[in-house]
Amino acid sequence: MEQSVVLIKPDGVKRGLIGEIIRRIERAGLKIMAMKMVWVDKDLVGKHYTNKKSYLLSVGEKTLETYKKYGKDPKEELGTKNPLEIGKLVRNWNMEFLSSGPVVAILWEGPSAIEIVRKIVGSTFPASAPPGTIRGDYSFDSAQFSNASKRTVRNLIHASGDPKEAKFERQLWFHEEEIYSYQRSEEEVMT
């Protein structure tokens, strides 16, 4: 069994999409192991969006790719072309947004949970997410628009990207006494 952490971000909460998001993932056969609504502070968000150089460089490089793709000058719009500095800017935007309202944190479990959730959620950038995915159906934000607005992409949801990230996020977002083990009826059929 694999676990994945999903965060329904403030835009998903404020738009009343909690039930729809849960329905889609639960319908795929995954089960909720833990769930809570929290208004997170910047300390927790700062741990979620790490300050590690490798992460910041990765975010900065992806942002530079977006600027190049749309023929925009990052120096003109952001004041720098340095991927590390841009990564720090984007991290701050992410932290500001995730702490701007309530978040619903959910721990999901099931075979291939990470891959299944990511398929249901769709591309990080809603404008690139196919119809039928959560982001493709309910968000239209783009990297180009968010960068021009100097803010994070409003994409409704976060989902763990790999097992290492899922393990870290489980420990960050949930205490062990908040996590419950049980068997869904589908599991009885599958075992």
Protein backbone atom coordinates (compact mmCIF):
# COMPACT_ATOMS: atom_id res chain seq x y z
CA MET A 1 0.00 0.00 0.00
CA GLU A 2 1.13 3.51 -0.77
CA GLN A 3 0.14 6.80 0.80
CA SER A 4 -0.24 10.29 -0.66
CA VAL A 5 -0.87 13.62 1.02
CA VAL A 6 -3.37 15.91 -0.66
CA LEU A 7 -3.86 19.51 0.36
CA ILE A 8 -6.97 21.28 -0.84
CA LYS A 9 -5.59 24.80 -1.00
CA PRO A 10 -7.42 27.98 0.04
CA ASP A 11 -8.81 28.53 -3.49
CA GLY A 12 -10.36 25.03 -3.50
CA VAL A 13 -11.81 25.53 -0.01
CA LYS A 14 -13.20 29.00 -0.79
CA ARG A 15 -14.79 27.74 -4.02
CA GLY A 16 -16.58 24.90 -2.22
CA LEU A 17 -14.76 22.10 -4.05
CA ILE A 18 -13.79 19.99 -1.02
CA GLY A 19 -16.55 17.43 -1.53
CA GLU A 20 -15.98 17.17 -5.28
CA ILE A 21 -12.24 16.64 -4.85
CA ILE A 22 -12.75 14.00 -2.15
CA ARG A 23 -15.45 12.29 -4.25
CA ARG A 24 -13.19 11.95 -7.27
CA ILE A 25 -10.29 10.45 -5.34
CA GLU A 26 -12.47 8.21 -3.19
CA ARG A 27 -14.33 6.98 -6.28
CA ALA A 28 -10.97 5.75 -7.64
CA GLY A 29 -10.81 3.33 -4.70
CA LEU A 30 -8.40 5.17 -2.41
CA LYS A 31 -9.29 5.53 1.24
CA ILE A 32 -8.92 8.42 3.65
CA MET A 33 -6.55 7.59 6.50
CA ALA A 34 -6.58 11.08 8.04
CA MET A 35 -8.25 14.39 7.27
CA LYS A 36 -8.41 17.83 8.86
CA MET A 37 -9.03 21.47 8.08
CA VAL A 38 -6.32 23.84 9.27
CA TRP A 39 -5.31 27.43 8.80
CA VAL A 40 -1.58 26.96 8.60
CA ASP A 41 1.01 29.43 9.76
CA LYS A 42 4.10 30.42 7.82
CA ASP A 43 6.30 28.14 9.95
CA LEU A 44 4.50 24.99 8.76
CA VAL A 45 4.22 26.30 5.21
CA GLY A 46 7.95 27.09 5.27
CA LYS A 47 8.63 23.43 6.02
CA HIS A 48 6.26 22.26 3.27
CA TYR A 49 7.90 24.54 0.69
CA THR A 50 11.48 23.85 1.73
CA ASN A 51 14.22 26.45 1.69
CA LYS A 52 16.75 23.94 0.33
CA LYS A 53 18.92 25.27 -2.47
CA SER A 54 18.12 22.33 -4.79
CA TYR A 55 14.37 22.99 -4.47
CA LEU A 56 14.75 26.73 -4.98
CA LEU A 57 16.95 26.22 -8.06
CA SER A 58 14.45 23.74 -9.53
CA VAL A 59 11.55 26.15 -9.02
CA GLY A 60 13.60 29.04 -10.40
CA GLU A 61 14.62 27.09 -13.50
CA LYS A 62 11.02 26.02 -14.19
CA THR A 63 9.93 29.64 -13.88
CA LEU A 64 12.66 30.75 -16.29
CA GLU A 65 11.45 28.09 -18.77
CA THR A 66 7.96 29.59 -18.58
CA TYR A 67 9.31 33.08 -19.24
CA LYS A 68 11.29 31.79 -22.22
CA LYS A 69 8.27 29.88 -23.57
CA TYR A 70 6.15 33.03 -23.61
CA GLY A 71 8.92 35.38 -24.78
CA LYS A 72 8.93 37.36 -21.53
CA ASP A 73 11.95 38.93 -19.86
CA PRO A 74 12.28 37.75 -16.22
CA LYS A 75 14.75 40.54 -15.47
CA GLU A 76 12.18 43.10 -16.54
CA GLU A 77 9.27 41.53 -14.64
CA LEU A 78 11.01 40.01 -11.59
CA GLY A 79 14.18 42.08 -11.38
CA THR A 80 16.50 39.08 -11.85
CA LYS A 81 17.41 36.18 -14.12
CA ASN A 82 19.07 34.25 -11.29
CA PRO A 83 17.21 30.93 -10.83
CA LEU A 84 17.99 30.82 -7.10
CA GLU A 85 16.57 34.31 -6.52
CA ILE A 86 13.53 33.51 -8.65
CA GLY A 87 13.04 30.26 -6.69
CA LYS A 88 13.01 32.30 -3.47
CA LEU A 89 10.39 34.66 -4.94
CA VAL A 90 8.13 31.78 -6.02
CA ARG A 91 8.57 30.03 -2.66
CA ASN A 92 7.43 33.21 -0.91
CA TRP A 93 4.40 33.44 -3.23
CA ASN A 94 3.56 29.79 -2.47
CA MET A 95 3.93 30.35 1.28
CA GLU A 96 1.83 33.50 1.21
CA PHE A 97 -0.98 31.76 -0.65
CA LEU A 98 -1.07 28.49 1.32
CA SER A 99 -1.29 30.45 4.58
CA SER A 100 -3.96 32.85 3.24
CA GLY A 101 -6.96 30.70 4.22
CA PRO A 102 -8.05 27.29 5.46
CA VAL A 103 -6.50 24.17 3.93
CA VAL A 104 -7.93 20.65 4.01
CA ALA A 105 -5.15 18.10 4.51
CA ILE A 106 -5.94 14.50 3.60
CA LEU A 107 -3.84 11.35 3.81
CA TRP A 108 -4.92 8.84 1.17
CA GLU A 109 -3.94 5.17 0.95
CA GLY A 110 -4.17 2.51 -1.72
CA PRO A 111 -2.16 0.65 -4.35
CA SER A 112 -0.24 3.20 -6.48
CA ALA A 113 -1.91 6.01 -4.51
CA ILE A 114 0.61 8.67 -5.57
CA GLU A 115 0.29 7.97 -9.29
CA ILE A 116 -3.50 7.66 -9.13
CA VAL A 117 -3.94 10.93 -7.24
CA ARG A 118 -1.61 12.80 -9.60
CA LYS A 119 -3.57 11.54 -12.63
CA ILE A 120 -6.85 12.65 -11.05
CA VAL A 121 -5.41 16.05 -10.10
CA GLY A 122 -3.82 16.87 -13.50
CA SER A 123 -0.89 19.07 -14.48
CA THR A 124 0.49 21.60 -11.99
CA PHE A 125 -0.50 24.32 -14.44
CA PRO A 126 -4.29 24.21 -14.88
CA ALA A 127 -4.11 25.66 -18.41
CA SER A 128 -2.19 22.49 -19.38
CA ALA A 129 -4.35 20.05 -17.40
CA PRO A 130 -6.65 17.91 -19.55
CA PRO A 131 -10.43 18.00 -19.13
CA GLY A 132 -11.58 15.37 -16.68
CA THR A 133 -8.85 16.20 -14.16
CA ILE A 134 -9.57 18.35 -11.12
CA ARG A 135 -7.36 21.20 -12.33
CA GLY A 136 -8.55 20.82 -15.93
CA ASP A 137 -12.20 21.05 -14.90
CA TYR A 138 -12.09 23.66 -12.15
CA SER A 139 -9.17 26.01 -12.72
CA PHE A 140 -7.94 28.05 -15.64
CA ASP A 141 -4.89 29.73 -14.13
CA SER A 142 -1.58 29.61 -15.98
CA ALA A 143 2.09 30.07 -15.15
CA GLN A 144 2.21 33.03 -17.54
CA PHE A 145 -0.69 34.83 -15.84
CA SER A 146 0.47 34.09 -12.29
CA ASN A 147 4.05 35.15 -13.03
CA ALA A 148 2.81 38.41 -14.57
CA SER A 149 0.67 38.93 -11.46
CA LYS A 150 3.65 38.08 -9.20
CA ARG A 151 1.81 35.33 -7.34
CA THR A 152 1.63 31.56 -7.17
CA VAL A 153 -0.46 29.52 -9.58
CA ARG A 154 -3.91 28.98 -8.10
CA ASN A 155 -4.34 25.31 -8.88
CA LEU A 156 -6.69 24.18 -6.09
CA ILE A 157 -4.72 21.23 -4.78
CA HIS A 158 -1.34 19.81 -3.85
CA ALA A 159 -0.54 16.11 -4.19
CA SER A 160 2.62 14.27 -3.12
CA GLY A 161 4.97 13.76 -6.05
CA ASP A 162 6.81 10.62 -4.97
CA PRO A 163 7.06 8.20 -2.01
CA LYS A 164 9.84 10.18 -0.29
CA GLU A 165 7.82 13.39 -0.50
CA ALA A 166 4.67 11.58 0.69
CA LYS A 167 6.47 10.22 3.76
CA PHE A 168 7.85 13.67 4.62
CA GLU A 169 4.44 15.32 4.12
CA ARG A 170 2.66 12.68 6.21
CA GLN A 171 4.98 13.45 9.12
CA LEU A 172 4.66 17.21 8.56
CA TRP A 173 0.88 17.41 8.29
CA PHE A 174 -0.35 14.62 10.60
CA HIS A 175 0.35 13.29 14.08
CA GLU A 176 0.29 9.48 14.32
CA GLU A 177 -2.82 9.56 16.55
CA GLU A 178 -4.72 11.35 13.74
CA ILE A 179 -4.16 8.46 11.30
CA TYR A 180 -6.67 5.59 11.27
CA SER A 181 -6.38 2.14 9.79
CA TYR A 182 -9.45 0.24 8.56
CA GLN A 183 -10.55 -1.83 5.60
CA ARG A 184 -12.86 -0.61 2.87
CA SER A 185 -15.25 -3.11 1.33
CA GLU A 186 -13.34 -3.00 -1.98
CA GLU A 187 -10.23 -4.18 -0.15
CA GLU A 188 -12.04 -7.32 0.97
CA VAL A 189 -12.75 -8.13 -2.67
CA MET A 190 -9.17 -7.39 -3.75
CA THR A 191 -7.43 -9.47 -1.04
